[in-house]
Amino acid sequence: MKGKIKRHHRTEMTPEAKALRELRLDRQLSIREVCRQLGKSEAFLRHIETGRRDFPRKILLETILQVYEVSYKAFRHKVTAVREVESKLGPKEELKELIDRLPEDKLIIVQAMLKGVLEAL
């Protein structure tokens, strides 16, 4: 099973996944358009960007970056920028980031918990 891409039940949006998503959005490319050019399903890229799927190996990453018309070096710079922003987040911003990562079914649970905390105050 060496080299097999893993799908996760939990999401872990890494700085690399965030950078890849930001680069796509910077180029105003839709997931549909990118995946059409890659010959992949929309879920494929969506799962990479949300951390549901392992981040692609360098060969596939370079293919994606070619569609974005971005060099690997520019991608690494974007990853560094994402890490710097994340390290400067305050509690409120960090909470927003965490909420953005949650799937809809888990978001409902967190919402109910927060309402309970606010009512207890």
C-alpha atoms as a PDB file:
ATOM      1  CA  MET A   1       0.000   0.000   0.000  1.00  0.00           C
ATOM      2  CA  LYS A   2       3.014   2.261  -0.255  1.00  0.00           C
ATOM      3  CA  GLY A   3       2.212   5.545  -1.983  1.00  0.00           C
ATOM      4  CA  LYS A   4      -1.538   5.181  -1.483  1.00  0.00           C
ATOM      5  CA  ILE A   5      -3.388   8.451  -0.902  1.00  0.00           C
ATOM      6  CA  LYS A   6      -5.157   8.486   2.429  1.00  0.00           C
ATOM      7  CA  ARG A   7      -8.555   9.921   3.155  1.00  0.00           C
ATOM      8  CA  HIS A   8      -9.135  11.118   6.674  1.00  0.00           C
ATOM      9  CA  HIS A   9     -12.277  11.231   8.756  1.00  0.00           C
ATOM     10  CA  ARG A  10     -11.063  14.432  10.333  1.00  0.00           C
ATOM     11  CA  THR A  11      -9.840  17.492   8.529  1.00  0.00           C
ATOM     12  CA  GLU A  12      -6.476  19.070   9.143  1.00  0.00           C
ATOM     13  CA  MET A  13      -6.018  22.119   7.002  1.00  0.00           C
ATOM     14  CA  THR A  14      -2.260  22.473   6.809  1.00  0.00           C
ATOM     15  CA  PRO A  15      -0.482  25.677   5.778  1.00  0.00           C
ATOM     16  CA  GLU A  16       0.324  23.920   2.494  1.00  0.00           C
ATOM     17  CA  ALA A  17      -3.361  23.194   1.844  1.00  0.00           C
ATOM     18  CA  LYS A  18      -4.299  26.775   2.720  1.00  0.00           C
ATOM     19  CA  ALA A  19      -1.575  28.126   0.437  1.00  0.00           C
ATOM     20  CA  LEU A  20      -2.738  25.924  -2.422  1.00  0.00           C
ATOM     21  CA  ARG A  21      -6.319  27.142  -1.976  1.00  0.00           C
ATOM     22  CA  GLU A  22      -5.218  30.782  -1.760  1.00  0.00           C
ATOM     23  CA  LEU A  23      -3.166  30.444  -4.945  1.00  0.00           C
ATOM     24  CA  ARG A  24      -6.181  29.004  -6.763  1.00  0.00           C
ATOM     25  CA  LEU A  25      -8.408  31.815  -5.524  1.00  0.00           C
ATOM     26  CA  ASP A  26      -5.750  34.439  -6.341  1.00  0.00           C
ATOM     27  CA  ARG A  27      -5.887  33.206  -9.944  1.00  0.00           C
ATOM     28  CA  GLN A  28      -9.717  33.255  -9.816  1.00  0.00           C
ATOM     29  CA  LEU A  29      -9.852  29.592 -10.768  1.00  0.00           C
ATOM     30  CA  SER A  30     -12.789  27.439  -9.742  1.00  0.00           C
ATOM     31  CA  ILE A  31     -12.298  23.940  -8.405  1.00  0.00           C
ATOM     32  CA  ARG A  32     -14.310  22.720 -11.388  1.00  0.00           C
ATOM     33  CA  GLU A  33     -11.983  24.380 -13.898  1.00  0.00           C
ATOM     34  CA  VAL A  34      -8.797  23.159 -12.219  1.00  0.00           C
ATOM     35  CA  CYS A  35     -10.069  19.589 -11.920  1.00  0.00           C
ATOM     36  CA  ARG A  36     -11.234  19.586 -15.530  1.00  0.00           C
ATOM     37  CA  GLN A  37      -7.689  20.484 -16.583  1.00  0.00           C
ATOM     38  CA  LEU A  38      -6.212  17.869 -14.239  1.00  0.00           C
ATOM     39  CA  GLY A  39      -8.670  15.168 -15.272  1.00  0.00           C
ATOM     40  CA  LYS A  40      -9.702  14.688 -11.629  1.00  0.00           C
ATOM     41  CA  SER A  41     -12.992  14.930  -9.757  1.00  0.00           C
ATOM     42  CA  GLU A  42     -13.913  18.123  -7.922  1.00  0.00           C
ATOM     43  CA  ALA A  43     -13.899  16.185  -4.647  1.00  0.00           C
ATOM     44  CA  PHE A  44     -10.243  15.340  -5.247  1.00  0.00           C
ATOM     45  CA  LEU A  45      -9.046  18.958  -4.999  1.00  0.00           C
ATOM     46  CA  ARG A  46     -11.645  19.967  -2.430  1.00  0.00           C
ATOM     47  CA  HIS A  47     -10.433  17.184  -0.125  1.00  0.00           C
ATOM     48  CA  ILE A  48      -6.810  18.267  -0.550  1.00  0.00           C
ATOM     49  CA  GLU A  49      -7.657  21.908   0.201  1.00  0.00           C
ATOM     50  CA  THR A  50      -9.647  21.014   3.313  1.00  0.00           C
ATOM     51  CA  GLY A  51      -7.153  18.484   4.647  1.00  0.00           C
ATOM     52  CA  ARG A  52      -9.460  15.526   4.151  1.00  0.00           C
ATOM     53  CA  ARG A  53      -6.916  13.949   1.795  1.00  0.00           C
ATOM     54  CA  ASP A  54      -3.148  13.798   2.214  1.00  0.00           C
ATOM     55  CA  PHE A  55      -1.325  16.663   0.582  1.00  0.00           C
ATOM     56  CA  PRO A  56      -0.131  15.598  -2.890  1.00  0.00           C
ATOM     57  CA  ARG A  57       3.389  14.458  -3.565  1.00  0.00           C
ATOM     58  CA  LYS A  58       5.668  16.855  -5.390  1.00  0.00           C
ATOM     59  CA  ILE A  59       4.946  15.501  -8.892  1.00  0.00           C
ATOM     60  CA  LEU A  60       1.184  15.979  -8.567  1.00  0.00           C
ATOM     61  CA  LEU A  61       1.672  19.271  -6.738  1.00  0.00           C
ATOM     62  CA  GLU A  62       3.812  20.576  -9.594  1.00  0.00           C
ATOM     63  CA  THR A  63       1.088  19.568 -12.060  1.00  0.00           C
ATOM     64  CA  ILE A  64      -1.485  21.516 -10.031  1.00  0.00           C
ATOM     65  CA  LEU A  65       0.862  24.493  -9.824  1.00  0.00           C
ATOM     66  CA  GLN A  66       1.287  24.399 -13.619  1.00  0.00           C
ATOM     67  CA  VAL A  67      -2.492  24.825 -13.943  1.00  0.00           C
ATOM     68  CA  TYR A  68      -2.226  27.793 -11.542  1.00  0.00           C
ATOM     69  CA  GLU A  69       0.792  29.093 -13.515  1.00  0.00           C
ATOM     70  CA  VAL A  70       2.809  29.293 -10.290  1.00  0.00           C
ATOM     71  CA  SER A  71       6.315  28.032  -9.597  1.00  0.00           C
ATOM     72  CA  TYR A  72       7.118  25.672  -6.755  1.00  0.00           C
ATOM     73  CA  LYS A  73       9.253  28.422  -5.220  1.00  0.00           C
ATOM     74  CA  ALA A  74       6.276  30.841  -5.249  1.00  0.00           C
ATOM     75  CA  PHE A  75       4.170  28.126  -3.625  1.00  0.00           C
ATOM     76  CA  ARG A  76       6.736  27.722  -0.810  1.00  0.00           C
ATOM     77  CA  HIS A  77       6.736  31.503  -0.279  1.00  0.00           C
ATOM     78  CA  LYS A  78       2.938  31.406   0.025  1.00  0.00           C
ATOM     79  CA  VAL A  79       3.194  28.591   2.596  1.00  0.00           C
ATOM     80  CA  THR A  80       5.639  30.701   4.626  1.00  0.00           C
ATOM     81  CA  ALA A  81       3.262  33.670   4.470  1.00  0.00           C
ATOM     82  CA  VAL A  82       0.346  31.510   5.663  1.00  0.00           C
ATOM     83  CA  ARG A  83       2.439  30.221   8.590  1.00  0.00           C
ATOM     84  CA  GLU A  84       3.381  33.772   9.576  1.00  0.00           C
ATOM     85  CA  VAL A  85      -0.261  34.882   9.577  1.00  0.00           C
ATOM     86  CA  GLU A  86      -1.286  31.839  11.619  1.00  0.00           C
ATOM     87  CA  SER A  87       1.399  32.509  14.223  1.00  0.00           C
ATOM     88  CA  LYS A  88       0.063  36.041  14.758  1.00  0.00           C
ATOM     89  CA  LEU A  89      -3.588  35.125  15.257  1.00  0.00           C
ATOM     90  CA  GLY A  90      -5.289  36.177  18.447  1.00  0.00           C
ATOM     91  CA  PRO A  91      -7.826  33.928  20.195  1.00  0.00           C
ATOM     92  CA  LYS A  92     -10.793  35.326  18.267  1.00  0.00           C
ATOM     93  CA  GLU A  93      -9.099  34.956  14.888  1.00  0.00           C
ATOM     94  CA  GLU A  94      -7.860  31.478  15.780  1.00  0.00           C
ATOM     95  CA  LEU A  95     -11.388  30.469  16.760  1.00  0.00           C
ATOM     96  CA  LYS A  96     -12.661  31.736  13.399  1.00  0.00           C
ATOM     97  CA  GLU A  97      -9.962  29.716  11.623  1.00  0.00           C
ATOM     98  CA  LEU A  98     -10.932  26.585  13.541  1.00  0.00           C
ATOM     99  CA  ILE A  99     -14.615  27.101  12.777  1.00  0.00           C
ATOM    100  CA  ASP A 100     -13.831  27.505   9.069  1.00  0.00           C
ATOM    101  CA  ARG A 101     -12.220  24.059   9.092  1.00  0.00           C
ATOM    102  CA  LEU A 102     -15.202  22.256  10.607  1.00  0.00           C
ATOM    103  CA  PRO A 103     -17.570  20.198   8.501  1.00  0.00           C
ATOM    104  CA  GLU A 104     -21.207  21.337   8.703  1.00  0.00           C
ATOM    105  CA  ASP A 105     -22.347  18.509  10.995  1.00  0.00           C
ATOM    106  CA  LYS A 106     -19.626  19.309  13.557  1.00  0.00           C
ATOM    107  CA  LEU A 107     -20.261  23.045  13.276  1.00  0.00           C
ATOM    108  CA  ILE A 108     -23.777  22.538  14.629  1.00  0.00           C
ATOM    109  CA  ILE A 109     -22.349  20.829  17.716  1.00  0.00           C
ATOM    110  CA  VAL A 110     -19.857  23.646  18.354  1.00  0.00           C
ATOM    111  CA  GLN A 111     -22.595  26.227  17.867  1.00  0.00           C
ATOM    112  CA  ALA A 112     -24.762  24.526  20.493  1.00  0.00           C
ATOM    113  CA  MET A 113     -21.802  24.348  22.903  1.00  0.00           C
ATOM    114  CA  LEU A 114     -21.015  28.051  22.474  1.00  0.00           C
ATOM    115  CA  LYS A 115     -24.651  28.999  23.033  1.00  0.00           C
ATOM    116  CA  GLY A 116     -24.575  26.977  26.244  1.00  0.00           C
ATOM    117  CA  VAL A 117     -21.417  28.751  27.421  1.00  0.00           C
ATOM    118  CA  LEU A 118     -22.911  32.182  26.658  1.00  0.00           C
ATOM    119  CA  GLU A 119     -26.110  31.337  28.517  1.00  0.00           C
ATOM    120  CA  ALA A 120     -24.067  30.256  31.546  1.00  0.00           C
ATOM    121  CA  LEU A 121     -22.260  33.614  31.704  1.00  0.00           C
END
